[in-house]
Amino acid sequence: MSTASSPSGSDDLRVPKRGWALPEQMREQLRMPFGKLTEESDMLKEIANCRRLVAVGDVVSLTLLQRGVQPDVLIFDYRTKRGEMSLLKERVEGMNGEMVVVSNPTGRITPELVDEAKRALRRKGRTRMLVKGEEDLAALVCIALAPSGTCLVYGLPGEGMVLVKIDRETSTRAKSLIYAMEELN
């Protein structure tokens, strides 16, 4: 893994005018872990050496916060398959850092989500990003945009937490998946 502080190539993510839509045939492909499926107890050890930490998803964000870990970037929508996440809302509202709200419909990556992810990943302080719609594809965007050495944790429903240690290879793979989606011009 590279220790350089430069981005993994984030500036070359070319966003169509209205973003991307996830085609039905790609859904199964995105259900495969992008990184390493990690037990909660091992996660804390694994993330200790990360330059920055990004958490995508409500359950993952709440789990990390309950363990005393405050990610640099949290992306959530205050919803999970089990319903509203009021406990996460309490925790997030008590944190410091920039609070941003973006719109991102289910199965889409909007230009607004990409722009705010770029800002969050470049920001010196913490960013709490509330997504109106769905945040699931934000993990892919952050993997494509984050500097090498960043770690990203997201939830895989029914499986657990996935840890992605971002480097040039993971960034390129994420961009390939994004570019394979339907462009919305």
C-alpha atoms as a PDB file:
ATOM      1  CA  MET A   1       0.000   0.000   0.000  1.00  0.00           C
ATOM      2  CA  SER A   2       1.306   3.385  -0.943  1.00  0.00           C
ATOM      3  CA  THR A   3       1.969   5.887   1.816  1.00  0.00           C
ATOM      4  CA  ALA A   4       1.935   8.914  -0.444  1.00  0.00           C
ATOM      5  CA  SER A   5      -0.573  11.556   0.497  1.00  0.00           C
ATOM      6  CA  SER A   6      -1.659  12.230  -3.067  1.00  0.00           C
ATOM      7  CA  PRO A   7      -5.046  11.027  -4.248  1.00  0.00           C
ATOM      8  CA  SER A   8      -5.409   7.643  -5.902  1.00  0.00           C
ATOM      9  CA  GLY A   9      -6.483   9.494  -9.038  1.00  0.00           C
ATOM     10  CA  SER A  10      -9.591  11.181  -7.706  1.00  0.00           C
ATOM     11  CA  ASP A  11      -9.462  14.168 -10.009  1.00  0.00           C
ATOM     12  CA  ASP A  12     -10.101  12.090 -13.123  1.00  0.00           C
ATOM     13  CA  LEU A  13     -13.562  10.753 -12.180  1.00  0.00           C
ATOM     14  CA  ARG A  14     -15.596  12.139 -15.073  1.00  0.00           C
ATOM     15  CA  VAL A  15     -19.191  12.535 -13.902  1.00  0.00           C
ATOM     16  CA  PRO A  16     -22.033  12.573 -16.457  1.00  0.00           C
ATOM     17  CA  LYS A  17     -24.388  15.549 -16.255  1.00  0.00           C
ATOM     18  CA  ARG A  18     -26.951  13.665 -14.103  1.00  0.00           C
ATOM     19  CA  GLY A  19     -24.656  10.953 -12.717  1.00  0.00           C
ATOM     20  CA  TRP A  20     -25.045   7.206 -13.058  1.00  0.00           C
ATOM     21  CA  ALA A  21     -27.770   4.615 -12.530  1.00  0.00           C
ATOM     22  CA  LEU A  22     -27.007   1.072 -11.393  1.00  0.00           C
ATOM     23  CA  PRO A  23     -28.271  -1.376 -14.027  1.00  0.00           C
ATOM     24  CA  GLU A  24     -30.127  -4.410 -12.685  1.00  0.00           C
ATOM     25  CA  GLN A  25     -27.503  -6.794 -14.131  1.00  0.00           C
ATOM     26  CA  MET A  26     -24.768  -5.180 -11.992  1.00  0.00           C
ATOM     27  CA  ARG A  27     -26.578  -5.517  -8.639  1.00  0.00           C
ATOM     28  CA  GLU A  28     -25.291  -9.025  -7.954  1.00  0.00           C
ATOM     29  CA  GLN A  29     -21.728  -7.987  -8.815  1.00  0.00           C
ATOM     30  CA  LEU A  30     -21.865  -5.245  -6.161  1.00  0.00           C
ATOM     31  CA  ARG A  31     -23.054  -7.684  -3.482  1.00  0.00           C
ATOM     32  CA  MET A  32     -19.603  -9.285  -3.465  1.00  0.00           C
ATOM     33  CA  PRO A  33     -17.278  -7.850  -0.788  1.00  0.00           C
ATOM     34  CA  PHE A  34     -15.035  -5.174  -2.280  1.00  0.00           C
ATOM     35  CA  GLY A  35     -12.507  -5.687   0.488  1.00  0.00           C
ATOM     36  CA  LYS A  36     -12.025  -8.027   3.395  1.00  0.00           C
ATOM     37  CA  LEU A  37     -15.017  -9.265   5.411  1.00  0.00           C
ATOM     38  CA  THR A  38     -13.820  -8.544   8.953  1.00  0.00           C
ATOM     39  CA  GLU A  39     -15.088  -9.521  12.389  1.00  0.00           C
ATOM     40  CA  GLU A  40     -15.927  -6.572  14.607  1.00  0.00           C
ATOM     41  CA  SER A  41     -13.199  -7.494  17.114  1.00  0.00           C
ATOM     42  CA  ASP A  42     -10.544  -7.585  14.362  1.00  0.00           C
ATOM     43  CA  MET A  43     -11.805  -4.372  12.754  1.00  0.00           C
ATOM     44  CA  LEU A  44     -10.451  -2.161  15.540  1.00  0.00           C
ATOM     45  CA  LYS A  45      -6.962  -3.646  15.125  1.00  0.00           C
ATOM     46  CA  GLU A  46      -7.121  -3.432  11.331  1.00  0.00           C
ATOM     47  CA  ILE A  47      -8.074   0.261  11.221  1.00  0.00           C
ATOM     48  CA  ALA A  48      -5.441   1.373  13.746  1.00  0.00           C
ATOM     49  CA  ASN A  49      -2.854   2.050  11.017  1.00  0.00           C
ATOM     50  CA  CYS A  50      -5.165   3.786   8.548  1.00  0.00           C
ATOM     51  CA  ARG A  51      -4.316   7.337   7.512  1.00  0.00           C
ATOM     52  CA  ARG A  52      -8.017   8.271   7.422  1.00  0.00           C
ATOM     53  CA  LEU A  53     -11.179   6.315   8.069  1.00  0.00           C
ATOM     54  CA  VAL A  54     -14.444   6.464   6.121  1.00  0.00           C
ATOM     55  CA  ALA A  55     -17.608   4.697   7.327  1.00  0.00           C
ATOM     56  CA  VAL A  56     -20.484   4.156   4.920  1.00  0.00           C
ATOM     57  CA  GLY A  57     -23.796   2.942   6.272  1.00  0.00           C
ATOM     58  CA  ASP A  58     -25.801   3.383   9.424  1.00  0.00           C
ATOM     59  CA  VAL A  59     -25.057   0.106  11.213  1.00  0.00           C
ATOM     60  CA  VAL A  60     -21.322   0.352  10.500  1.00  0.00           C
ATOM     61  CA  SER A  61     -21.214   3.994  11.623  1.00  0.00           C
ATOM     62  CA  LEU A  62     -23.088   3.236  14.842  1.00  0.00           C
ATOM     63  CA  THR A  63     -20.923   0.178  15.562  1.00  0.00           C
ATOM     64  CA  LEU A  64     -17.703   2.187  15.185  1.00  0.00           C
ATOM     65  CA  LEU A  65     -19.022   5.089  17.263  1.00  0.00           C
ATOM     66  CA  GLN A  66     -20.142   2.701  20.035  1.00  0.00           C
ATOM     67  CA  ARG A  67     -16.585   1.285  20.095  1.00  0.00           C
ATOM     68  CA  GLY A  68     -15.107   4.766  20.538  1.00  0.00           C
ATOM     69  CA  VAL A  69     -13.976   5.164  16.919  1.00  0.00           C
ATOM     70  CA  GLN A  70     -14.902   8.461  15.246  1.00  0.00           C
ATOM     71  CA  PRO A  71     -14.336   8.122  11.497  1.00  0.00           C
ATOM     72  CA  ASP A  72     -13.084  11.111   9.528  1.00  0.00           C
ATOM     73  CA  VAL A  73     -16.026  10.734   7.151  1.00  0.00           C
ATOM     74  CA  LEU A  74     -19.382   9.185   8.072  1.00  0.00           C
ATOM     75  CA  ILE A  75     -21.982   8.639   5.349  1.00  0.00           C
ATOM     76  CA  PHE A  76     -25.441   7.561   6.446  1.00  0.00           C
ATOM     77  CA  ASP A  77     -29.157   8.025   5.807  1.00  0.00           C
ATOM     78  CA  TYR A  78     -30.505   7.300   9.323  1.00  0.00           C
ATOM     79  CA  ARG A  79     -32.241   4.201   7.949  1.00  0.00           C
ATOM     80  CA  THR A  80     -31.558   0.502   7.912  1.00  0.00           C
ATOM     81  CA  LYS A  81     -33.605  -2.480   6.828  1.00  0.00           C
ATOM     82  CA  ARG A  82     -34.720  -2.669  10.438  1.00  0.00           C
ATOM     83  CA  GLY A  83     -36.102   0.872  10.384  1.00  0.00           C
ATOM     84  CA  GLU A  84     -35.015   4.311  11.511  1.00  0.00           C
ATOM     85  CA  MET A  85     -31.672   4.676  13.295  1.00  0.00           C
ATOM     86  CA  SER A  86     -32.504   7.116  16.109  1.00  0.00           C
ATOM     87  CA  LEU A  87     -29.515   5.970  18.209  1.00  0.00           C
ATOM     88  CA  LEU A  88     -27.143   6.846  15.361  1.00  0.00           C
ATOM     89  CA  LYS A  89     -28.853  10.215  14.987  1.00  0.00           C
ATOM     90  CA  GLU A  90     -28.176  11.002  18.668  1.00  0.00           C
ATOM     91  CA  ARG A  91     -24.511  10.022  18.317  1.00  0.00           C
ATOM     92  CA  VAL A  92     -23.961  11.943  15.085  1.00  0.00           C
ATOM     93  CA  GLU A  93     -25.630  15.104  16.380  1.00  0.00           C
ATOM     94  CA  GLY A  94     -23.272  15.039  19.383  1.00  0.00           C
ATOM     95  CA  MET A  95     -20.149  14.926  17.206  1.00  0.00           C
ATOM     96  CA  ASN A  96     -18.052  17.790  15.936  1.00  0.00           C
ATOM     97  CA  GLY A  97     -17.316  18.342  12.267  1.00  0.00           C
ATOM     98  CA  GLU A  98     -19.008  19.596   9.141  1.00  0.00           C
ATOM     99  CA  MET A  99     -22.563  18.343   8.567  1.00  0.00           C
ATOM    100  CA  VAL A 100     -23.628  18.120   4.924  1.00  0.00           C
ATOM    101  CA  VAL A 101     -26.825  16.862   3.342  1.00  0.00           C
ATOM    102  CA  VAL A 102     -26.944  15.436  -0.187  1.00  0.00           C
ATOM    103  CA  SER A 103     -29.677  13.976  -2.358  1.00  0.00           C
ATOM    104  CA  ASN A 104     -28.963  10.605  -3.924  1.00  0.00           C
ATOM    105  CA  PRO A 105     -31.850   8.398  -5.074  1.00  0.00           C
ATOM    106  CA  THR A 106     -31.746   4.609  -4.685  1.00  0.00           C
ATOM    107  CA  GLY A 107     -29.507   2.910  -7.246  1.00  0.00           C
ATOM    108  CA  ARG A 108     -27.920   6.165  -8.357  1.00  0.00           C
ATOM    109  CA  ILE A 109     -24.702   8.132  -8.030  1.00  0.00           C
ATOM    110  CA  THR A 110     -25.482  11.828  -8.385  1.00  0.00           C
ATOM    111  CA  PRO A 111     -22.976  14.569  -9.227  1.00  0.00           C
ATOM    112  CA  GLU A 112     -23.880  16.112  -5.845  1.00  0.00           C
ATOM    113  CA  LEU A 113     -22.796  12.920  -4.024  1.00  0.00           C
ATOM    114  CA  VAL A 114     -19.498  12.833  -5.934  1.00  0.00           C
ATOM    115  CA  ASP A 115     -18.792  16.534  -5.254  1.00  0.00           C
ATOM    116  CA  GLU A 116     -19.541  16.250  -1.528  1.00  0.00           C
ATOM    117  CA  ALA A 117     -17.497  13.034  -1.227  1.00  0.00           C
ATOM    118  CA  LYS A 118     -14.526  14.833  -2.826  1.00  0.00           C
ATOM    119  CA  ARG A 119     -14.886  17.733  -0.379  1.00  0.00           C
ATOM    120  CA  ALA A 120     -15.243  15.394   2.603  1.00  0.00           C
ATOM    121  CA  LEU A 121     -12.151  13.403   1.638  1.00  0.00           C
ATOM    122  CA  ARG A 122     -10.097  16.599   1.253  1.00  0.00           C
ATOM    123  CA  ARG A 123     -11.399  18.289   4.405  1.00  0.00           C
ATOM    124  CA  LYS A 124      -8.998  18.451   7.359  1.00  0.00           C
ATOM    125  CA  GLY A 125     -11.749  17.950   9.931  1.00  0.00           C
ATOM    126  CA  ARG A 126     -14.519  15.397  10.228  1.00  0.00           C
ATOM    127  CA  THR A 127     -17.489  15.257   7.837  1.00  0.00           C
ATOM    128  CA  ARG A 128     -20.899  13.847   8.674  1.00  0.00           C
ATOM    129  CA  MET A 129     -22.836  13.287   5.450  1.00  0.00           C
ATOM    130  CA  LEU A 130     -26.565  12.684   5.600  1.00  0.00           C
ATOM    131  CA  VAL A 131     -27.842  11.213   2.353  1.00  0.00           C
ATOM    132  CA  LYS A 132     -31.473  11.860   1.455  1.00  0.00           C
ATOM    133  CA  GLY A 133     -32.269   8.735  -0.524  1.00  0.00           C
ATOM    134  CA  GLU A 134     -29.708   5.936  -0.350  1.00  0.00           C
ATOM    135  CA  GLU A 135     -26.041   5.946   0.647  1.00  0.00           C
ATOM    136  CA  ASP A 136     -25.030   2.436  -0.470  1.00  0.00           C
ATOM    137  CA  LEU A 137     -23.193   3.449  -3.655  1.00  0.00           C
ATOM    138  CA  ALA A 138     -21.295   6.168  -1.766  1.00  0.00           C
ATOM    139  CA  ALA A 139     -18.817   3.462  -0.718  1.00  0.00           C
ATOM    140  CA  LEU A 140     -17.865   2.906  -4.352  1.00  0.00           C
ATOM    141  CA  VAL A 141     -17.491   6.655  -4.913  1.00  0.00           C
ATOM    142  CA  CYS A 142     -15.256   7.038  -1.857  1.00  0.00           C
ATOM    143  CA  ILE A 143     -13.077   4.090  -2.875  1.00  0.00           C
ATOM    144  CA  ALA A 144     -12.614   5.714  -6.287  1.00  0.00           C
ATOM    145  CA  LEU A 145     -11.805   9.137  -4.810  1.00  0.00           C
ATOM    146  CA  ALA A 146      -9.953   8.574  -1.518  1.00  0.00           C
ATOM    147  CA  PRO A 147      -6.207   8.996  -1.142  1.00  0.00           C
ATOM    148  CA  SER A 148      -4.109   5.856  -0.821  1.00  0.00           C
ATOM    149  CA  GLY A 149      -3.788   4.791   2.780  1.00  0.00           C
ATOM    150  CA  THR A 150      -7.416   5.596   3.566  1.00  0.00           C
ATOM    151  CA  CYS A 151      -9.536   2.805   4.994  1.00  0.00           C
ATOM    152  CA  LEU A 152     -13.231   2.460   4.277  1.00  0.00           C
ATOM    153  CA  VAL A 153     -15.665   0.313   6.209  1.00  0.00           C
ATOM    154  CA  TYR A 154     -19.110  -0.558   4.906  1.00  0.00           C
ATOM    155  CA  GLY A 155     -21.749  -3.089   5.779  1.00  0.00           C
ATOM    156  CA  LEU A 156     -22.665  -6.115   3.718  1.00  0.00           C
ATOM    157  CA  PRO A 157     -26.234  -7.027   4.709  1.00  0.00           C
ATOM    158  CA  GLY A 158     -26.422 -10.425   6.349  1.00  0.00           C
ATOM    159  CA  GLU A 159     -22.631 -10.824   6.205  1.00  0.00           C
ATOM    160  CA  GLY A 160     -20.955  -8.199   8.391  1.00  0.00           C
ATOM    161  CA  MET A 161     -18.465  -5.385   7.936  1.00  0.00           C
ATOM    162  CA  VAL A 162     -16.150  -5.060   4.957  1.00  0.00           C
ATOM    163  CA  LEU A 163     -12.810  -3.273   5.274  1.00  0.00           C
ATOM    164  CA  VAL A 164     -11.257  -1.760   2.156  1.00  0.00           C
ATOM    165  CA  LYS A 165      -7.681  -0.478   2.347  1.00  0.00           C
ATOM    166  CA  ILE A 166      -7.579   1.985  -0.513  1.00  0.00           C
ATOM    167  CA  ASP A 167      -4.696   1.973  -2.950  1.00  0.00           C
ATOM    168  CA  ARG A 168      -4.318   2.544  -6.689  1.00  0.00           C
ATOM    169  CA  GLU A 169      -5.692  -0.935  -7.504  1.00  0.00           C
ATOM    170  CA  THR A 170      -8.878  -0.596  -5.436  1.00  0.00           C
ATOM    171  CA  SER A 171      -9.423   2.933  -6.765  1.00  0.00           C
ATOM    172  CA  THR A 172      -9.099   1.749 -10.364  1.00  0.00           C
ATOM    173  CA  ARG A 173     -11.447  -1.171  -9.727  1.00  0.00           C
ATOM    174  CA  ALA A 174     -14.069   1.146  -8.203  1.00  0.00           C
ATOM    175  CA  LYS A 175     -13.826   3.553 -11.140  1.00  0.00           C
ATOM    176  CA  SER A 176     -14.263   0.653 -13.579  1.00  0.00           C
ATOM    177  CA  LEU A 177     -17.462  -0.391 -11.838  1.00  0.00           C
ATOM    178  CA  ILE A 178     -18.776   3.169 -11.780  1.00  0.00           C
ATOM    179  CA  TYR A 179     -17.996   3.696 -15.465  1.00  0.00           C
ATOM    180  CA  ALA A 180     -19.805   0.407 -16.282  1.00  0.00           C
ATOM    181  CA  MET A 181     -23.036   1.894 -14.913  1.00  0.00           C
ATOM    182  CA  GLU A 182     -25.602   3.643 -17.073  1.00  0.00           C
ATOM    183  CA  GLU A 183     -24.675   7.267 -17.731  1.00  0.00           C
ATOM    184  CA  LEU A 184     -27.447   9.791 -17.159  1.00  0.00           C
ATOM    185  CA  ASN A 185     -26.899  12.786 -19.434  1.00  0.00           C
END
